[in-house]
Amino acid sequence: MSRRLVTHRSAVSGARVVPEETAIAITFGRTTYAVMMATPADIEDFVVGFSLTERIIEDIAEITELEVVALPQGIEARMTLSSNRDAQLLSRRRRLTGPAGCGLCGIESLEAAVAPPRPVAPSGRVSKETIFRALDGLREKQMLNAETHAVHAAGFWLGDEFLAVREDVGRHNALDKLAGALARAKTAANSGFLVVSSRLSIELVQKASSIGCPIIVAVSAPTAFALRAAEDCGMTVAAVARSDSLEVFTHADRIEV
C-alpha cells in the first residue's frame, strides 16, 4: 500500500504492508448466523473455533460438513451440523454482525453478554521460565504482525514449544482460530496454556473457558470484569507479561515462581 510519511522536516513517499480484513459469513444449514470482519486466513480454523467458543457445538464431530466459498463481497463458511445440534441451534438463532475490534458484537441480551464462563478443571503447574520462553517465542511466530505491526496473535504452548499460533486483526478472532486449530488437531486445551498478544478482556476468558484451558497469559493488562470471571471459573490469569516479568492475578498456585 502506498503512503506518504510526513515529519516535521520532510515528506517522503513509500510503501507499507497493511493487513487485510474481509467479511466472513458463518452459516449453518445455509442460514447466516454471524458475519465477522477478520483476516482472510485459516478460515476453517476460525469457523470451527467460533462454533466451539460460542457454544454452538460441544465437539468438532458435530460439524458434518464444512465448505469455504469465496464470493465477491467476502467469504462464506457453510457448515452443516448433526441433526440434534441443528435443532438446538434453530431455537437460539440470532443475527450477529461483528467488526474486527469487538468481542461481544450482536449479543441480544445482557444475560448473554455476561454469561459466566465454564468452570475449568484443575491442572498441573507451569514454571515462570517456561512462560518467559513462550512470550519470546510468540514474537518469533507473529509473521504477519512483523510485516504490518497491526494484528493480534494467540498461541498454544505445549511442552517446550508452540503447538499452534494464529494471527488476526481481531484479538478474539485470533483466539477462535487457535481454538479451531486445537480441535482439528484433537489436542485438549487443558494440556498446555494460552498466550495472547492483546489486552485480556471478558470475551477472551469466556472463549478460553469454553475450550477448557486453565491458564491464559496476556501481553497487555486485563479488565476487572475478565479477572472476576477468571477467578470464578478457576482460570489462572497472568498478564502485563514480558520476557522477564509478569503479574499473576488469579489462581496463582499454577505458576511456579
Protein backbone atom coordinates (compact mmCIF):
# COMPACT_ATOMS: atom_id res chain seq x y z
CA MET A 1 0.00 0.00 0.00
CA SER A 2 1.46 3.37 -0.99
CA ARG A 3 1.73 6.02 1.69
CA ARG A 4 3.42 9.32 2.43
CA LEU A 5 5.48 9.72 5.59
CA VAL A 6 5.24 13.26 6.92
CA THR A 7 7.59 14.55 9.62
CA HIS A 8 8.37 17.99 10.97
CA ARG A 9 11.08 18.37 8.34
CA SER A 10 10.04 16.41 5.28
CA ALA A 11 7.52 14.29 3.40
CA VAL A 12 8.64 11.01 1.82
CA SER A 13 6.62 8.69 -0.43
CA GLY A 14 6.96 4.95 0.00
CA ALA A 15 5.13 1.71 0.69
CA ARG A 16 3.77 -0.05 3.77
CA VAL A 17 2.35 -3.53 4.19
CA VAL A 18 -1.11 -3.37 5.78
CA PRO A 19 -3.31 -6.27 6.87
CA GLU A 20 -6.46 -7.31 5.03
CA GLU A 21 -9.83 -7.68 6.67
CA THR A 22 -12.70 -9.44 4.98
CA ALA A 23 -16.35 -10.07 5.76
CA ILE A 24 -16.78 -13.72 6.70
CA ALA A 25 -20.31 -15.09 6.83
CA ILE A 26 -20.72 -18.09 9.12
CA THR A 27 -23.73 -20.15 8.09
CA PHE A 28 -25.40 -23.25 9.44
CA GLY A 29 -27.78 -25.04 7.10
CA ARG A 30 -27.45 -22.11 4.64
CA THR A 31 -28.82 -19.68 7.24
CA THR A 32 -26.42 -16.94 8.28
CA TYR A 33 -25.62 -16.96 11.98
CA ALA A 34 -22.84 -14.37 12.06
CA VAL A 35 -20.88 -12.05 9.81
CA MET A 36 -17.48 -11.15 11.21
CA MET A 37 -14.69 -8.96 9.90
CA ALA A 38 -11.48 -10.96 10.06
CA THR A 39 -8.13 -11.56 8.43
CA PRO A 40 -8.80 -13.90 5.46
CA ALA A 41 -6.53 -16.74 6.57
CA ASP A 42 -7.11 -20.00 8.45
CA ILE A 43 -10.83 -19.75 7.74
CA GLU A 44 -11.60 -23.37 8.63
CA ASP A 45 -9.88 -22.94 11.98
CA PHE A 46 -11.79 -19.71 12.56
CA VAL A 47 -15.29 -21.03 11.97
CA VAL A 48 -14.68 -24.27 13.87
CA GLY A 49 -13.24 -22.34 16.79
CA PHE A 50 -16.06 -19.78 16.70
CA SER A 51 -18.60 -22.60 16.79
CA LEU A 52 -16.90 -24.06 19.86
CA THR A 53 -16.25 -20.86 21.80
CA GLU A 54 -19.74 -19.54 21.10
CA ARG A 55 -21.03 -22.90 22.43
CA ILE A 56 -22.92 -23.63 19.24
CA ILE A 57 -21.31 -27.07 19.32
CA GLU A 58 -19.59 -29.09 22.03
CA ASP A 59 -17.39 -31.19 19.77
CA ILE A 60 -15.97 -30.79 16.28
CA ALA A 61 -17.62 -34.10 15.33
CA GLU A 62 -20.99 -32.28 15.40
CA ILE A 63 -19.95 -30.46 12.21
CA THR A 64 -20.86 -32.90 9.44
CA GLU A 65 -19.94 -30.64 6.50
CA LEU A 66 -17.77 -27.55 6.08
CA GLU A 67 -17.29 -25.65 2.84
CA VAL A 68 -15.49 -22.32 2.41
CA VAL A 69 -16.68 -20.32 -0.60
CA ALA A 70 -15.08 -17.11 -1.89
CA LEU A 71 -17.66 -14.54 -3.01
CA PRO A 72 -17.27 -11.03 -4.47
CA GLN A 73 -18.36 -9.48 -1.17
CA GLY A 74 -16.23 -11.71 1.07
CA ILE A 75 -16.12 -15.33 2.24
CA GLU A 76 -18.92 -17.66 3.24
CA ALA A 77 -18.22 -20.60 5.51
CA ARG A 78 -21.05 -23.09 5.10
CA MET A 79 -21.49 -25.67 7.83
CA THR A 80 -23.98 -28.45 8.39
CA LEU A 81 -24.47 -29.77 11.90
CA SER A 82 -25.67 -33.08 13.22
CA SER A 83 -29.45 -33.25 13.41
CA ASN A 84 -29.68 -32.87 17.20
CA ARG A 85 -27.36 -29.88 17.30
CA ASP A 86 -29.06 -28.23 14.34
CA ALA A 87 -32.43 -28.41 16.11
CA GLN A 88 -30.95 -26.77 19.20
CA LEU A 89 -29.41 -24.02 17.08
CA LEU A 90 -32.74 -23.18 15.48
CA SER A 91 -34.16 -22.45 18.92
CA ARG A 92 -31.48 -19.84 19.64
CA ARG A 93 -30.91 -18.43 16.17
CA ARG A 94 -29.81 -14.83 16.10
CA ARG A 95 -28.15 -12.46 13.67
CA LEU A 96 -24.72 -11.26 14.66
CA THR A 97 -22.51 -8.73 12.92
CA GLY A 98 -19.05 -8.13 14.28
CA PRO A 99 -16.44 -5.52 13.43
CA ALA A 100 -12.86 -6.71 13.79
CA GLY A 101 -12.15 -4.90 17.04
CA CYS A 102 -15.10 -6.20 19.02
CA GLY A 103 -15.71 -9.29 21.04
CA LEU A 104 -19.35 -9.28 22.09
CA CYS A 105 -20.92 -7.95 18.90
CA GLY A 106 -24.57 -8.58 18.21
CA ILE A 107 -25.43 -10.08 21.59
CA GLU A 108 -29.16 -9.64 22.04
CA SER A 109 -29.42 -9.51 25.83
CA LEU A 110 -27.45 -8.52 28.90
CA GLU A 111 -27.73 -12.10 30.14
CA ALA A 112 -25.96 -13.39 27.03
CA ALA A 113 -23.26 -10.72 27.23
CA VAL A 114 -22.35 -11.53 30.83
CA ALA A 115 -22.84 -15.30 30.68
CA PRO A 116 -20.48 -16.87 33.24
CA PRO A 117 -17.51 -18.78 31.84
CA ARG A 118 -17.50 -22.52 32.22
CA PRO A 119 -15.51 -23.87 35.19
CA VAL A 120 -12.08 -25.14 34.18
CA ALA A 121 -10.65 -28.32 35.63
CA PRO A 122 -7.59 -28.40 37.91
CA SER A 123 -4.32 -28.71 36.02
CA GLY A 124 -0.60 -29.02 36.50
CA ARG A 125 1.79 -26.19 37.28
CA VAL A 126 3.87 -24.15 34.84
CA SER A 127 7.21 -22.55 35.64
CA LYS A 128 7.77 -18.85 35.13
CA GLU A 129 10.77 -19.72 32.93
CA THR A 130 8.50 -21.68 30.59
CA ILE A 131 6.14 -18.71 30.31
CA PHE A 132 9.03 -16.37 29.55
CA ARG A 133 10.21 -18.71 26.77
CA ALA A 134 6.70 -18.78 25.35
CA LEU A 135 6.49 -14.97 25.33
CA ASP A 136 9.76 -14.74 23.41
CA GLY A 137 8.60 -17.48 21.07
CA LEU A 138 5.28 -15.80 20.31
CA ARG A 139 7.01 -12.76 18.86
CA GLU A 140 9.02 -15.02 16.57
CA LYS A 141 5.83 -16.70 15.33
CA GLN A 142 3.99 -13.46 14.52
CA MET A 143 4.91 -13.38 10.83
CA LEU A 144 2.03 -11.17 9.72
CA ASN A 145 2.50 -8.74 12.58
CA ALA A 146 6.20 -8.46 11.75
CA GLU A 147 5.15 -7.11 8.35
CA THR A 148 2.17 -4.98 9.36
CA HIS A 149 2.51 -4.18 13.10
CA ALA A 150 -1.28 -4.29 13.17
CA VAL A 151 -2.55 -7.78 14.07
CA HIS A 152 -3.02 -9.83 17.22
CA ALA A 153 -1.84 -13.36 17.91
CA ALA A 154 -2.94 -16.26 20.08
CA GLY A 155 -0.68 -19.24 20.68
CA PHE A 156 -0.96 -22.57 22.49
CA TRP A 157 2.18 -23.69 24.30
CA LEU A 158 2.53 -27.43 24.87
CA GLY A 159 5.61 -28.90 26.49
CA ASP A 160 8.56 -26.94 25.13
CA GLU A 161 7.07 -25.29 22.06
CA PHE A 162 4.04 -23.72 20.44
CA LEU A 163 1.72 -26.32 19.01
CA ALA A 164 -0.06 -23.59 17.03
CA VAL A 165 -0.14 -19.80 16.65
CA ARG A 166 -2.84 -17.89 14.79
CA GLU A 167 -3.00 -14.19 13.85
CA ASP A 168 -5.89 -11.86 13.06
CA VAL A 169 -6.86 -8.19 13.10
CA GLY A 170 -9.29 -9.08 15.92
CA ARG A 171 -7.92 -10.46 19.18
CA HIS A 172 -10.99 -12.65 19.70
CA ASN A 173 -10.75 -13.90 16.09
CA ALA A 174 -7.15 -14.97 16.70
CA LEU A 175 -8.26 -16.98 19.72
CA ASP A 176 -11.15 -18.52 17.77
CA LYS A 177 -8.71 -19.57 15.04
CA LEU A 178 -6.45 -21.13 17.64
CA ALA A 179 -9.38 -22.95 19.27
CA GLY A 180 -10.30 -24.38 15.89
CA ALA A 181 -6.73 -25.44 15.20
CA LEU A 182 -6.58 -27.31 18.51
CA ALA A 183 -9.91 -29.03 17.87
CA ARG A 184 -8.91 -30.08 14.38
CA ALA A 185 -5.62 -31.45 15.76
CA LYS A 186 -7.56 -33.27 18.52
CA THR A 187 -5.48 -31.52 21.19
CA ALA A 188 -7.00 -30.98 24.62
CA ALA A 189 -6.73 -27.34 25.66
CA ASN A 190 -6.06 -28.31 29.28
CA SER A 191 -2.75 -29.88 28.27
CA GLY A 192 -0.95 -26.52 27.91
CA PHE A 193 -1.59 -22.80 28.18
CA LEU A 194 -2.65 -19.86 26.01
CA VAL A 195 -0.60 -16.78 25.21
CA VAL A 196 -2.29 -13.74 23.65
CA SER A 197 -0.67 -10.57 22.36
CA SER A 198 -3.51 -8.29 23.42
CA ARG A 199 -5.23 -6.98 26.49
CA LEU A 200 -7.31 -9.57 28.33
CA SER A 201 -11.00 -8.75 28.21
CA ILE A 202 -14.04 -10.74 29.23
CA GLU A 203 -14.68 -12.41 25.88
CA LEU A 204 -11.19 -13.96 25.87
CA VAL A 205 -11.82 -15.50 29.29
CA GLN A 206 -15.21 -16.77 28.09
CA LYS A 207 -13.69 -18.29 24.95
CA ALA A 208 -10.74 -19.84 26.79
CA SER A 209 -13.07 -21.41 29.34
CA SER A 210 -15.30 -22.78 26.56
CA ILE A 211 -12.40 -24.94 25.33
CA GLY A 212 -11.30 -25.81 28.88
CA CYS A 213 -7.95 -24.02 29.02
CA PRO A 214 -6.90 -23.36 32.65
CA ILE A 215 -4.12 -20.79 32.08
CA ILE A 216 -4.02 -17.69 29.89
CA VAL A 217 -1.06 -15.32 29.60
CA ALA A 218 -1.62 -11.85 28.12
CA VAL A 219 0.95 -9.32 26.98
CA SER A 220 -1.26 -6.40 27.97
CA ALA A 221 -3.41 -5.71 31.02
CA PRO A 222 -6.67 -7.44 32.00
CA THR A 223 -10.02 -5.82 32.66
CA ALA A 224 -11.65 -6.07 36.06
CA PHE A 225 -14.58 -7.98 34.55
CA ALA A 226 -12.22 -10.51 33.00
CA LEU A 227 -10.47 -11.07 36.33
CA ARG A 228 -13.73 -11.58 38.22
CA ALA A 229 -14.82 -14.11 35.63
CA ALA A 230 -11.46 -15.91 35.69
CA GLU A 231 -11.49 -16.07 39.48
CA ASP A 232 -14.99 -17.53 39.49
CA CYS A 233 -14.31 -20.19 36.86
CA GLY A 234 -10.95 -21.28 38.25
CA MET A 235 -8.73 -19.88 35.49
CA THR A 236 -5.21 -18.60 36.07
CA VAL A 237 -4.56 -15.19 34.53
CA ALA A 238 -1.03 -13.85 34.10
CA ALA A 239 -0.86 -10.52 32.33
CA VAL A 240 1.31 -7.45 31.66
CA ALA A 241 3.70 -10.21 30.63
CA ARG A 242 7.19 -9.55 29.29
CA SER A 243 10.18 -11.78 28.62
CA ASP A 244 11.44 -11.16 32.17
CA SER A 245 8.37 -10.29 34.27
CA LEU A 246 4.65 -10.92 34.60
CA GLU A 247 1.81 -10.26 37.00
CA VAL A 248 -0.34 -13.16 38.20
CA PHE A 249 -3.87 -12.00 39.06
CA THR A 250 -5.92 -15.16 39.68
CA HIS A 251 -5.24 -18.71 40.87
CA ALA A 252 -1.52 -18.08 41.21
CA ASP A 253 -0.85 -21.59 42.53
CA ARG A 254 -0.48 -22.87 38.95
CA ILE A 255 2.59 -20.68 38.34
CA GLU A 256 5.87 -21.89 39.82
CA VAL A 257 7.98 -18.92 40.92
